[in-house]
């Protein structure tokens, strides 16, 4: 009987040790490189990195668009100053060279005639009184751009400003003057 109890205790001890070793082996297997649990964590990390990469690509595209818009505004602001100066000097050749397809330059009357905005006398605006107020694409259009200027007077008794909206249209991938309006 004593032998039987000893054998049973020995078998129980072996089976307990065997189960413990299997559980440790299973735990080692689960945390081993390339295991299912670690792969799941890695897949989550990869998905997170892909999402972050997509967000960064979107931000880069937005910044590139902003830079392009600022460059367009800079170019058209300079062109606006040249157009105003050409009106003052009555440089018809320059005005005709930058005019869009719907703009006519009247040398006889010193007028800008547009289909969209009608007839306007040449703009007279002292360059030292001009202020840039902004610019942008109207209604999300990529082929039109507006430059917003103002003439500002600080003379006593004559304080105020007058808004000038210079319009440009893209023709054959080149910006052309499309008229102006003012208040």
C-alpha atoms as a PDB file:
ATOM      1  CA  UNK A   1       0.000   0.000   0.000  1.00  0.00           C
ATOM      2  CA  UNK A   2       2.810   2.279   0.778  1.00  0.00           C
ATOM      3  CA  UNK A   3       4.308   1.594  -2.643  1.00  0.00           C
ATOM      4  CA  UNK A   4       1.007   2.356  -4.305  1.00  0.00           C
ATOM      5  CA  UNK A   5       0.721   5.703  -2.513  1.00  0.00           C
ATOM      6  CA  UNK A   6       4.329   6.517  -3.396  1.00  0.00           C
ATOM      7  CA  UNK A   7       3.725   5.670  -7.067  1.00  0.00           C
ATOM      8  CA  UNK A   8       0.543   7.763  -7.097  1.00  0.00           C
ATOM      9  CA  UNK A   9       2.311  10.725  -5.512  1.00  0.00           C
ATOM     10  CA  UNK A  10       5.122  10.324  -8.002  1.00  0.00           C
ATOM     11  CA  UNK A  11       2.692  10.198 -10.955  1.00  0.00           C
ATOM     12  CA  UNK A  12       0.783  13.186  -9.605  1.00  0.00           C
ATOM     13  CA  UNK A  13       4.041  15.104  -9.233  1.00  0.00           C
ATOM     14  CA  UNK A  14       5.113  14.242 -12.778  1.00  0.00           C
ATOM     15  CA  UNK A  15       1.760  15.226 -14.251  1.00  0.00           C
ATOM     16  CA  UNK A  16       1.751  18.518 -12.309  1.00  0.00           C
ATOM     17  CA  UNK A  17       5.290  19.310 -13.464  1.00  0.00           C
ATOM     18  CA  UNK A  18       4.384  18.290 -17.013  1.00  0.00           C
ATOM     19  CA  UNK A  19       1.334  20.572 -17.051  1.00  0.00           C
ATOM     20  CA  UNK A  20       3.334  23.443 -15.650  1.00  0.00           C
ATOM     21  CA  UNK A  21       6.013  22.964 -18.306  1.00  0.00           C
ATOM     22  CA  UNK A  22       3.335  22.885 -21.047  1.00  0.00           C
ATOM     23  CA  UNK A  23       1.747  26.096 -19.778  1.00  0.00           C
ATOM     24  CA  UNK A  24       5.156  27.779 -19.673  1.00  0.00           C
ATOM     25  CA  UNK A  25       5.891  26.453 -23.151  1.00  0.00           C
ATOM     26  CA  UNK A  26       2.533  27.810 -24.352  1.00  0.00           C
ATOM     27  CA  UNK A  27       3.310  31.175 -22.738  1.00  0.00           C
ATOM     28  CA  UNK A  28       6.769  31.168 -24.351  1.00  0.00           C
ATOM     29  CA  UNK A  29       5.200  30.266 -27.710  1.00  0.00           C
ATOM     30  CA  UNK A  30       2.641  33.088 -27.496  1.00  0.00           C
ATOM     31  CA  UNK A  31       5.280  35.730 -26.827  1.00  0.00           C
ATOM     32  CA  UNK A  32       7.807  34.383 -29.313  1.00  0.00           C
ATOM     33  CA  UNK A  33       8.604  36.592 -32.313  1.00  0.00           C
ATOM     34  CA  UNK A  34       6.166  35.975 -35.137  1.00  0.00           C
ATOM     35  CA  UNK A  35       3.550  34.596 -32.811  1.00  0.00           C
ATOM     36  CA  UNK A  36      -0.137  35.332 -33.385  1.00  0.00           C
ATOM     37  CA  UNK A  37      -0.481  37.728 -30.452  1.00  0.00           C
ATOM     38  CA  UNK A  38       2.583  39.759 -31.439  1.00  0.00           C
ATOM     39  CA  UNK A  39       1.480  39.775 -35.082  1.00  0.00           C
ATOM     40  CA  UNK A  40      -1.891  41.181 -34.028  1.00  0.00           C
ATOM     41  CA  UNK A  41      -0.168  44.010 -32.161  1.00  0.00           C
ATOM     42  CA  UNK A  42       2.108  44.621 -35.136  1.00  0.00           C
ATOM     43  CA  UNK A  43      -0.871  44.699 -37.520  1.00  0.00           C
ATOM     44  CA  UNK A  44      -2.516  47.279 -35.263  1.00  0.00           C
ATOM     45  CA  UNK A  45       0.663  49.344 -35.273  1.00  0.00           C
ATOM     46  CA  UNK A  46       0.923  49.061 -39.068  1.00  0.00           C
ATOM     47  CA  UNK A  47      -2.704  50.167 -39.472  1.00  0.00           C
ATOM     48  CA  UNK A  48      -2.078  53.096 -37.125  1.00  0.00           C
ATOM     49  CA  UNK A  49       1.058  54.087 -39.057  1.00  0.00           C
ATOM     50  CA  UNK A  50      -0.803  53.833 -42.381  1.00  0.00           C
ATOM     51  CA  UNK A  51      -3.584  56.052 -41.042  1.00  0.00           C
ATOM     52  CA  UNK A  52      -1.040  58.560 -39.741  1.00  0.00           C
ATOM     53  CA  UNK A  53       0.775  58.455 -43.106  1.00  0.00           C
ATOM     54  CA  UNK A  54      -2.490  59.163 -44.962  1.00  0.00           C
ATOM     55  CA  UNK A  55      -3.221  62.094 -42.629  1.00  0.00           C
ATOM     56  CA  UNK A  56       0.281  63.480 -43.219  1.00  0.00           C
ATOM     57  CA  UNK A  57      -0.128  63.128 -46.992  1.00  0.00           C
ATOM     58  CA  UNK A  58      -3.378  65.097 -46.747  1.00  0.00           C
ATOM     59  CA  UNK A  59      -1.679  67.824 -44.696  1.00  0.00           C
ATOM     60  CA  UNK A  60       1.207  68.005 -47.185  1.00  0.00           C
ATOM     61  CA  UNK A  61      -1.268  68.342 -50.084  1.00  0.00           C
ATOM     62  CA  UNK A  62      -3.100  71.136 -48.215  1.00  0.00           C
ATOM     63  CA  UNK A  63       0.177  72.962 -47.533  1.00  0.00           C
ATOM     64  CA  UNK A  64       1.243  72.602 -51.174  1.00  0.00           C
ATOM     65  CA  UNK A  65      -2.107  74.097 -52.227  1.00  0.00           C
ATOM     66  CA  UNK A  66      -1.658  76.990 -49.791  1.00  0.00           C
ATOM     67  CA  UNK A  67       1.838  77.652 -51.127  1.00  0.00           C
ATOM     68  CA  UNK A  68       0.534  77.550 -54.708  1.00  0.00           C
ATOM     69  CA  UNK A  69      -2.293  79.947 -53.775  1.00  0.00           C
ATOM     70  CA  UNK A  70       0.151  82.334 -52.098  1.00  0.00           C
ATOM     71  CA  UNK A  71       2.424  82.229 -55.140  1.00  0.00           C
ATOM     72  CA  UNK A  72      -0.547  82.948 -57.420  1.00  0.00           C
ATOM     73  CA  UNK A  73      -1.593  85.855 -55.184  1.00  0.00           C
ATOM     74  CA  UNK A  74       1.956  87.257 -55.232  1.00  0.00           C
ATOM     75  CA  UNK A  75       2.204  87.060 -59.027  1.00  0.00           C
ATOM     76  CA  UNK A  76      -1.236  88.589 -59.576  1.00  0.00           C
ATOM     77  CA  UNK A  77      -0.667  91.310 -56.986  1.00  0.00           C
ATOM     78  CA  UNK A  78       2.441  92.372 -58.916  1.00  0.00           C
ATOM     79  CA  UNK A  79       0.474  92.186 -62.154  1.00  0.00           C
ATOM     80  CA  UNK A  80      -2.283  94.323 -60.579  1.00  0.00           C
ATOM     81  CA  UNK A  81       0.253  97.038 -59.716  1.00  0.00           C
ATOM     82  CA  UNK A  82       1.614  96.918 -63.276  1.00  0.00           C
ATOM     83  CA  UNK A  83      -1.915  97.188 -64.723  1.00  0.00           C
ATOM     84  CA  UNK A  84      -2.775 100.179 -62.519  1.00  0.00           C
ATOM     85  CA  UNK A  85       0.509 101.814 -63.479  1.00  0.00           C
ATOM     86  CA  UNK A  86      -0.159 101.100 -67.189  1.00  0.00           C
ATOM     87  CA  UNK A  87      -3.598 102.713 -66.878  1.00  0.00           C
ATOM     88  CA  UNK A  88      -2.013 105.809 -65.361  1.00  0.00           C
ATOM     89  CA  UNK A  89       0.623 105.959 -68.122  1.00  0.00           C
ATOM     90  CA  UNK A  90      -1.906 104.999 -70.802  1.00  0.00           C
ATOM     91  CA  UNK A  91       0.287 102.078 -71.861  1.00  0.00           C
ATOM     92  CA  UNK A  92      -2.281 100.498 -74.176  1.00  0.00           C
ATOM     93  CA  UNK A  93       0.130  97.881 -75.509  1.00  0.00           C
ATOM     94  CA  UNK A  94       0.779  96.460 -72.055  1.00  0.00           C
ATOM     95  CA  UNK A  95      -2.909  96.545 -71.128  1.00  0.00           C
ATOM     96  CA  UNK A  96      -3.833  94.713 -74.335  1.00  0.00           C
ATOM     97  CA  UNK A  97      -1.089  92.131 -73.741  1.00  0.00           C
ATOM     98  CA  UNK A  98      -2.460  91.163 -70.313  1.00  0.00           C
ATOM     99  CA  UNK A  99      -6.172  91.531 -71.145  1.00  0.00           C
ATOM    100  CA  UNK A 100      -8.353  88.449 -71.093  1.00  0.00           C
ATOM    101  CA  UNK A 101     -10.581  87.387 -73.987  1.00  0.00           C
ATOM    102  CA  UNK A 102     -13.635  89.254 -72.632  1.00  0.00           C
ATOM    103  CA  UNK A 103     -11.790  92.556 -72.099  1.00  0.00           C
ATOM    104  CA  UNK A 104     -11.499  95.416 -74.562  1.00  0.00           C
ATOM    105  CA  UNK A 105      -9.177  98.366 -74.030  1.00  0.00           C
ATOM    106  CA  UNK A 106     -10.651 101.582 -75.426  1.00  0.00           C
ATOM    107  CA  UNK A 107      -7.830 103.958 -76.349  1.00  0.00           C
ATOM    108  CA  UNK A 108     -10.302 106.596 -77.441  1.00  0.00           C
ATOM    109  CA  UNK A 109     -12.092 106.813 -74.083  1.00  0.00           C
ATOM    110  CA  UNK A 110      -9.386 105.404 -71.767  1.00  0.00           C
ATOM    111  CA  UNK A 111     -11.787 102.703 -70.621  1.00  0.00           C
ATOM    112  CA  UNK A 112     -11.777  99.052 -69.753  1.00  0.00           C
ATOM    113  CA  UNK A 113     -14.791  97.319 -71.291  1.00  0.00           C
ATOM    114  CA  UNK A 114     -15.700  93.856 -70.014  1.00  0.00           C
ATOM    115  CA  UNK A 115     -18.639  91.583 -70.685  1.00  0.00           C
ATOM    116  CA  UNK A 116     -18.883  90.754 -67.008  1.00  0.00           C
ATOM    117  CA  UNK A 117     -18.422  94.146 -65.329  1.00  0.00           C
ATOM    118  CA  UNK A 118     -19.315  96.691 -68.020  1.00  0.00           C
ATOM    119  CA  UNK A 119     -17.321  99.853 -68.786  1.00  0.00           C
ATOM    120  CA  UNK A 120     -14.913 101.539 -66.393  1.00  0.00           C
ATOM    121  CA  UNK A 121     -12.589 104.463 -66.793  1.00  0.00           C
ATOM    122  CA  UNK A 122      -8.926 103.741 -66.297  1.00  0.00           C
ATOM    123  CA  UNK A 123      -8.216 103.360 -62.631  1.00  0.00           C
ATOM    124  CA  UNK A 124      -6.305 106.184 -60.981  1.00  0.00           C
ATOM    125  CA  UNK A 125      -4.791 105.042 -57.708  1.00  0.00           C
ATOM    126  CA  UNK A 126      -1.594 106.422 -56.201  1.00  0.00           C
ATOM    127  CA  UNK A 127       0.760 103.520 -55.601  1.00  0.00           C
ATOM    128  CA  UNK A 128       1.819 104.846 -52.201  1.00  0.00           C
ATOM    129  CA  UNK A 129      -1.817 104.736 -51.054  1.00  0.00           C
ATOM    130  CA  UNK A 130      -2.551 101.164 -52.177  1.00  0.00           C
ATOM    131  CA  UNK A 131      -2.904  98.382 -49.628  1.00  0.00           C
ATOM    132  CA  UNK A 132      -3.189  94.685 -50.272  1.00  0.00           C
ATOM    133  CA  UNK A 133      -6.273  93.306 -48.539  1.00  0.00           C
ATOM    134  CA  UNK A 134      -6.273  89.726 -49.784  1.00  0.00           C
ATOM    135  CA  UNK A 135      -6.828  87.439 -52.692  1.00  0.00           C
ATOM    136  CA  UNK A 136      -8.328  84.123 -53.583  1.00  0.00           C
ATOM    137  CA  UNK A 137     -10.283  81.869 -55.858  1.00  0.00           C
ATOM    138  CA  UNK A 138     -13.982  82.793 -55.959  1.00  0.00           C
ATOM    139  CA  UNK A 139     -16.341  79.904 -55.249  1.00  0.00           C
ATOM    140  CA  UNK A 140     -13.557  77.321 -55.381  1.00  0.00           C
ATOM    141  CA  UNK A 141     -12.808  78.094 -59.040  1.00  0.00           C
ATOM    142  CA  UNK A 142      -9.296  77.229 -60.204  1.00  0.00           C
ATOM    143  CA  UNK A 143      -9.455  79.374 -63.345  1.00  0.00           C
ATOM    144  CA  UNK A 144     -10.402  82.702 -61.713  1.00  0.00           C
ATOM    145  CA  UNK A 145      -8.575  84.705 -59.064  1.00  0.00           C
ATOM    146  CA  UNK A 146      -9.395  87.994 -57.342  1.00  0.00           C
ATOM    147  CA  UNK A 147      -6.977  90.455 -55.782  1.00  0.00           C
ATOM    148  CA  UNK A 148      -8.438  92.797 -53.166  1.00  0.00           C
ATOM    149  CA  UNK A 149      -6.795  96.194 -52.843  1.00  0.00           C
ATOM    150  CA  UNK A 150      -7.739  99.455 -51.209  1.00  0.00           C
ATOM    151  CA  UNK A 151      -6.654 103.036 -51.640  1.00  0.00           C
ATOM    152  CA  UNK A 152      -6.324 104.530 -48.205  1.00  0.00           C
ATOM    153  CA  UNK A 153      -6.423 108.228 -47.410  1.00  0.00           C
ATOM    154  CA  UNK A 154      -5.285 109.477 -44.021  1.00  0.00           C
ATOM    155  CA  UNK A 155      -5.474 113.167 -44.881  1.00  0.00           C
ATOM    156  CA  UNK A 156      -7.367 115.131 -42.263  1.00  0.00           C
ATOM    157  CA  UNK A 157     -10.936 115.673 -43.395  1.00  0.00           C
ATOM    158  CA  UNK A 158     -10.506 113.118 -46.187  1.00  0.00           C
ATOM    159  CA  UNK A 159      -9.968 109.903 -44.228  1.00  0.00           C
ATOM    160  CA  UNK A 160     -11.266 106.678 -45.700  1.00  0.00           C
ATOM    161  CA  UNK A 161     -10.646 103.972 -48.203  1.00  0.00           C
ATOM    162  CA  UNK A 162     -11.900 102.767 -51.538  1.00  0.00           C
ATOM    163  CA  UNK A 163     -11.942  99.061 -52.347  1.00  0.00           C
ATOM    164  CA  UNK A 164     -10.591  97.747 -55.656  1.00  0.00           C
ATOM    165  CA  UNK A 165     -11.280  94.195 -56.799  1.00  0.00           C
ATOM    166  CA  UNK A 166      -8.983  93.099 -59.603  1.00  0.00           C
ATOM    167  CA  UNK A 167     -10.235  90.057 -61.508  1.00  0.00           C
ATOM    168  CA  UNK A 168      -8.069  87.564 -63.362  1.00  0.00           C
ATOM    169  CA  UNK A 169      -8.921  84.547 -65.460  1.00  0.00           C
ATOM    170  CA  UNK A 170      -6.682  81.668 -66.523  1.00  0.00           C
ATOM    171  CA  UNK A 171      -6.447  81.350 -70.311  1.00  0.00           C
ATOM    172  CA  UNK A 172      -4.220  78.644 -71.807  1.00  0.00           C
ATOM    173  CA  UNK A 173      -2.546  78.193 -68.417  1.00  0.00           C
ATOM    174  CA  UNK A 174      -1.711  81.914 -68.192  1.00  0.00           C
ATOM    175  CA  UNK A 175      -3.355  84.520 -65.948  1.00  0.00           C
ATOM    176  CA  UNK A 176      -5.082  87.334 -67.849  1.00  0.00           C
ATOM    177  CA  UNK A 177      -6.673  90.546 -66.599  1.00  0.00           C
ATOM    178  CA  UNK A 178     -10.471  90.268 -66.563  1.00  0.00           C
ATOM    179  CA  UNK A 179     -11.435  93.726 -65.309  1.00  0.00           C
ATOM    180  CA  UNK A 180     -11.953  95.427 -61.986  1.00  0.00           C
ATOM    181  CA  UNK A 181     -14.733  96.776 -59.835  1.00  0.00           C
ATOM    182  CA  UNK A 182     -14.576  99.357 -57.103  1.00  0.00           C
ATOM    183  CA  UNK A 183     -16.900 100.961 -54.616  1.00  0.00           C
END
